[in-house]
């Protein structure tokens, strides 16, 4: 993938990985716009020179309005990065967890589908372009305190595979980015093993720049997640990660 002359929209790019990828695409020479819900994040990115658009992926009307605004300003749009994501802990023994599950699915899975649906006619009409969907290592190796997060990202993986198959021959590619734990928003304090954001972004951009770009962008730090079943380590790793269930409020003490 040539990163130097693209027109990119990063949905969910007002913070963390999305924000860093927007900056990296811009540094490589691409024109970059960012969509998100955070007024402060959008304002800060606008000051850096990015095009910014308010978008709530849980609201179909918001997605449609953002699409129209983006395409009016960037008719040459050829790359859509979809990375809406919420990570919520849930205790499945407590029926109150359902609202967290609903929010997670509507944002992570249905939100991704809304964005893809909104921009598919444009990219297919151009006959060239790429979707970059963002899943997680947790899609392949669940983190038991976040069951619906894992399920939603596993679903986005499956959806990405199907989308790639359905768009074959149209000129539109589908690349799945699979992050491990990355040190953003203080996560390095929660997970000392989280990959530094700068190192992660550098590795991602190097992988995206390969020709051909791999269908799954897998940094070194996520390989143990992606291939746990193949390597026979899955059961042991899930058991280890299940120790984190003690973090749930109802499991403490």
Protein backbone atom coordinates (compact mmCIF):
# COMPACT_ATOMS: atom_id res chain seq x y z
CA UNK A 1 0.00 0.00 0.00
CA UNK A 2 1.40 3.38 -1.02
CA UNK A 3 0.96 5.55 2.07
CA UNK A 4 2.24 8.75 0.49
CA UNK A 5 -0.66 9.91 -1.63
CA UNK A 6 -3.91 8.68 -0.14
CA UNK A 7 -7.02 10.42 1.13
CA UNK A 8 -7.83 8.81 4.45
CA UNK A 9 -10.72 9.00 6.90
CA UNK A 10 -10.09 7.61 10.38
CA UNK A 11 -13.38 6.98 12.20
CA UNK A 12 -12.68 6.79 15.90
CA UNK A 13 -9.49 8.78 15.54
CA UNK A 14 -9.81 11.41 18.26
CA UNK A 15 -7.57 9.55 20.71
CA UNK A 16 -5.24 6.62 21.21
CA UNK A 17 -4.37 4.35 18.29
CA UNK A 18 -6.68 6.13 15.85
CA UNK A 19 -5.18 9.53 16.53
CA UNK A 20 -1.64 8.22 16.16
CA UNK A 21 -2.46 6.45 12.89
CA UNK A 22 -4.01 9.66 11.54
CA UNK A 23 -0.78 11.48 12.34
CA UNK A 24 1.30 8.73 10.77
CA UNK A 25 -0.70 8.74 7.53
CA UNK A 26 -0.34 12.52 7.37
CA UNK A 27 3.41 12.32 8.02
CA UNK A 28 3.69 9.82 5.17
CA UNK A 29 2.16 12.35 2.79
CA UNK A 30 -1.53 11.46 2.78
CA UNK A 31 -4.47 13.79 3.23
CA UNK A 32 -6.22 12.79 6.43
CA UNK A 33 -9.61 13.51 7.99
CA UNK A 34 -10.77 12.30 11.38
CA UNK A 35 -14.25 11.44 12.61
CA UNK A 36 -15.28 11.01 16.21
CA UNK A 37 -17.50 12.09 19.08
CA UNK A 38 -15.08 14.01 21.30
CA UNK A 39 -15.43 17.78 20.76
CA UNK A 40 -12.11 18.38 22.49
CA UNK A 41 -10.32 15.72 20.46
CA UNK A 42 -11.75 17.04 17.20
CA UNK A 43 -10.80 20.61 18.11
CA UNK A 44 -7.22 19.60 18.90
CA UNK A 45 -6.90 17.71 15.62
CA UNK A 46 -8.37 20.61 13.69
CA UNK A 47 -5.63 22.81 15.15
CA UNK A 48 -3.11 20.32 13.76
CA UNK A 49 -4.61 20.79 10.30
CA UNK A 50 -6.78 17.69 10.01
CA UNK A 51 -10.27 17.80 8.59
CA UNK A 52 -12.62 16.87 11.42
CA UNK A 53 -16.15 15.51 11.45
CA UNK A 54 -18.57 14.78 14.26
CA UNK A 55 -19.78 11.19 13.96
CA UNK A 56 -21.61 8.89 16.35
CA UNK A 57 -21.38 5.36 14.96
CA UNK A 58 -24.34 4.24 17.09
CA UNK A 59 -26.61 6.65 15.18
CA UNK A 60 -27.32 5.88 11.54
CA UNK A 61 -28.35 9.45 10.77
CA UNK A 62 -25.08 10.75 12.22
CA UNK A 63 -23.08 8.33 10.10
CA UNK A 64 -24.96 9.30 6.94
CA UNK A 65 -24.54 13.02 7.64
CA UNK A 66 -20.82 12.57 8.30
CA UNK A 67 -20.40 10.56 5.10
CA UNK A 68 -22.03 13.30 3.05
CA UNK A 69 -19.89 15.97 4.68
CA UNK A 70 -16.68 13.99 4.22
CA UNK A 71 -17.32 13.21 0.56
CA UNK A 72 -18.28 16.81 -0.16
CA UNK A 73 -14.92 17.96 1.19
CA UNK A 74 -12.85 14.95 0.13
CA UNK A 75 -14.34 13.51 -3.08
CA UNK A 76 -11.07 11.60 -3.69
CA UNK A 77 -11.44 9.61 -0.46
CA UNK A 78 -9.89 6.19 -1.01
CA UNK A 79 -9.16 4.80 2.47
CA UNK A 80 -11.59 4.39 5.37
CA UNK A 81 -10.22 3.25 8.73
CA UNK A 82 -12.99 2.04 11.03
CA UNK A 83 -11.98 1.71 14.66
CA UNK A 84 -14.91 2.52 16.92
CA UNK A 85 -14.41 0.72 20.18
CA UNK A 86 -15.52 0.61 23.78
CA UNK A 87 -14.00 -1.76 26.34
CA UNK A 88 -16.29 -2.50 29.28
CA UNK A 89 -15.91 -5.05 32.02
CA UNK A 90 -18.91 -7.28 32.67
CA UNK A 91 -19.80 -9.76 35.38
CA UNK A 92 -21.97 -12.29 33.57
CA UNK A 93 -23.42 -13.47 36.87
CA UNK A 94 -25.08 -10.06 37.22
CA UNK A 95 -27.99 -9.44 34.83
CA UNK A 96 -27.15 -5.73 34.94
CA UNK A 97 -24.25 -6.47 32.59
CA UNK A 98 -26.63 -6.54 29.63
CA UNK A 99 -26.58 -2.81 29.04
CA UNK A 100 -22.80 -2.88 28.80
CA UNK A 101 -23.09 -5.75 26.32
CA UNK A 102 -25.64 -3.85 24.23
CA UNK A 103 -23.48 -0.72 24.16
CA UNK A 104 -20.39 -2.71 23.21
CA UNK A 105 -22.06 -4.52 20.32
CA UNK A 106 -23.79 -1.42 18.99
CA UNK A 107 -20.52 0.50 18.99
CA UNK A 108 -17.89 -2.06 18.06
CA UNK A 109 -19.77 -4.31 15.66
CA UNK A 110 -22.87 -2.51 14.41
CA UNK A 111 -20.99 0.80 14.37
CA UNK A 112 -18.35 -0.73 12.13
CA UNK A 113 -21.02 -2.09 9.80
CA UNK A 114 -22.73 1.31 9.64
CA UNK A 115 -19.49 2.99 8.59
CA UNK A 116 -18.61 0.33 6.04
CA UNK A 117 -22.10 0.44 4.55
CA UNK A 118 -21.97 4.22 4.34
CA UNK A 119 -18.76 4.32 2.30
CA UNK A 120 -18.95 1.10 0.26
CA UNK A 121 -20.89 2.65 -2.67
CA UNK A 122 -18.33 5.47 -2.95
CA UNK A 123 -15.28 3.21 -2.91
CA UNK A 124 -16.80 0.62 -5.23
CA UNK A 125 -17.88 3.42 -7.56
CA UNK A 126 -14.30 4.70 -7.70
CA UNK A 127 -13.06 1.19 -8.40
CA UNK A 128 -10.12 1.58 -6.04
CA UNK A 129 -9.59 1.99 -2.33
CA UNK A 130 -9.33 0.21 0.97
CA UNK A 131 -11.21 -0.39 4.17
CA UNK A 132 -9.02 -0.89 7.23
CA UNK A 133 -11.04 -2.52 9.99
CA UNK A 134 -9.67 -2.70 13.52
CA UNK A 135 -10.21 -5.74 15.69
CA UNK A 136 -8.07 -6.87 18.64
CA UNK A 137 -5.89 -9.68 19.87
CA UNK A 138 -8.75 -10.28 22.32
CA UNK A 139 -10.85 -11.38 19.32
CA UNK A 140 -8.65 -14.48 19.13
CA UNK A 141 -7.68 -14.95 22.79
CA UNK A 142 -10.53 -13.75 25.03
CA UNK A 143 -9.94 -11.64 28.12
CA UNK A 144 -12.69 -13.06 30.38
CA UNK A 145 -13.54 -9.82 32.27
CA UNK A 146 -14.52 -8.26 28.90
CA UNK A 147 -16.62 -11.00 27.25
CA UNK A 148 -18.70 -8.87 24.91
CA UNK A 149 -15.70 -6.83 23.82
CA UNK A 150 -14.03 -10.09 22.79
CA UNK A 151 -17.19 -11.28 21.05
CA UNK A 152 -17.70 -8.00 19.21
CA UNK A 153 -14.14 -7.91 17.91
CA UNK A 154 -14.31 -11.58 16.88
CA UNK A 155 -17.44 -10.65 14.94
CA UNK A 156 -15.68 -7.75 13.23
CA UNK A 157 -12.93 -10.20 12.22
CA UNK A 158 -15.49 -12.54 10.62
CA UNK A 159 -17.29 -9.60 9.00
CA UNK A 160 -14.00 -8.33 7.57
CA UNK A 161 -13.30 -11.73 6.05
CA UNK A 162 -16.73 -11.80 4.41
CA UNK A 163 -16.43 -8.20 3.26
CA UNK A 164 -13.10 -8.96 1.61
CA UNK A 165 -14.64 -11.89 -0.23
CA UNK A 166 -17.67 -9.89 -1.38
CA UNK A 167 -15.59 -6.94 -2.59
CA UNK A 168 -13.13 -9.10 -4.51
CA UNK A 169 -12.84 -7.86 -8.07
CA UNK A 170 -14.15 -4.35 -7.29
CA UNK A 171 -10.74 -2.80 -6.70
CA UNK A 172 -11.56 -2.26 -3.02
CA UNK A 173 -9.39 -4.08 -0.52
CA UNK A 174 -10.09 -4.98 3.10
CA UNK A 175 -7.24 -4.95 5.59
CA UNK A 176 -7.76 -6.02 9.20
CA UNK A 177 -5.56 -4.40 11.84
CA UNK A 178 -5.23 -6.58 14.96
CA UNK A 179 -3.71 -4.63 17.89
CA UNK A 180 -2.45 -6.22 21.09
CA UNK A 181 -2.64 -4.24 24.32
CA UNK A 182 -1.22 -0.82 23.45
CA UNK A 183 -0.18 1.77 26.00
CA UNK A 184 -2.74 4.54 25.47
CA UNK A 185 -4.72 6.64 27.93
CA UNK A 186 -2.80 5.34 30.92
CA UNK A 187 -3.17 1.67 29.99
CA UNK A 188 0.52 1.19 30.61
CA UNK A 189 -0.33 1.58 34.31
CA UNK A 190 -2.97 -1.16 34.11
CA UNK A 191 -0.98 -3.47 31.87
CA UNK A 192 2.79 -3.14 32.20
CA UNK A 193 3.16 -5.42 29.17
CA UNK A 194 1.26 -3.06 26.87
CA UNK A 195 3.15 -2.19 23.71
CA UNK A 196 4.28 1.47 23.55
CA UNK A 197 2.06 3.40 21.16
CA UNK A 198 4.94 4.81 19.14
CA UNK A 199 6.51 1.39 18.56
CA UNK A 200 3.14 -0.11 17.68
CA UNK A 201 2.33 2.61 15.14
CA UNK A 202 5.76 2.32 13.51
CA UNK A 203 5.35 -1.43 13.08
CA UNK A 204 1.81 -1.00 11.72
CA UNK A 205 2.83 1.55 9.11
CA UNK A 206 5.74 -0.64 8.00
CA UNK A 207 3.34 -3.58 7.53
CA UNK A 208 0.79 -1.45 5.69
CA UNK A 209 3.52 -0.23 3.34
CA UNK A 210 4.32 -3.76 2.20
CA UNK A 211 3.39 -4.70 -1.35
CA UNK A 212 1.09 -6.48 -1.27
CA UNK A 213 -0.30 -5.33 2.05
CA UNK A 214 -1.14 -8.38 4.18
CA UNK A 215 -4.85 -8.96 4.72
CA UNK A 216 -4.20 -9.03 8.47
CA UNK A 217 -1.77 -6.54 9.97
CA UNK A 218 -0.19 -8.45 12.85
CA UNK A 219 2.53 -6.78 14.87
CA UNK A 220 4.95 -9.06 16.66
CA UNK A 221 3.25 -8.46 19.99
CA UNK A 222 -0.10 -9.89 18.87
CA UNK A 223 1.10 -13.14 17.33
CA UNK A 224 0.67 -15.10 20.57
CA UNK A 225 -3.00 -14.07 20.57
CA UNK A 226 -3.67 -14.65 16.89
CA UNK A 227 -2.13 -18.10 16.72
CA UNK A 228 -2.85 -19.44 20.24
CA UNK A 229 -5.19 -22.18 19.02
CA UNK A 230 -2.83 -23.22 16.23
CA UNK A 231 0.12 -23.30 18.62
CA UNK A 232 -1.69 -25.29 21.29
CA UNK A 233 -1.37 -22.55 23.92
CA UNK A 234 -4.99 -21.38 23.89
CA UNK A 235 -6.38 -23.21 26.94
CA UNK A 236 -3.44 -22.34 29.17
CA UNK A 237 -3.48 -18.68 28.14
CA UNK A 238 -7.24 -18.33 28.69
CA UNK A 239 -6.80 -19.89 32.13
CA UNK A 240 -4.05 -17.40 32.94
CA UNK A 241 -6.16 -14.48 31.72
CA UNK A 242 -9.12 -15.73 33.76
CA UNK A 243 -7.22 -14.77 36.89
CA UNK A 244 -8.13 -11.19 35.99
CA UNK A 245 -11.77 -11.97 36.88
CA UNK A 246 -10.75 -10.85 40.38
CA UNK A 247 -10.81 -7.31 38.96
CA UNK A 248 -14.59 -7.42 38.71
CA UNK A 249 -16.20 -5.54 41.62
CA UNK A 250 -18.39 -8.51 42.61
CA UNK A 251 -15.41 -10.88 42.69
CA UNK A 252 -13.18 -8.86 45.02
CA UNK A 253 -12.42 -9.70 48.61
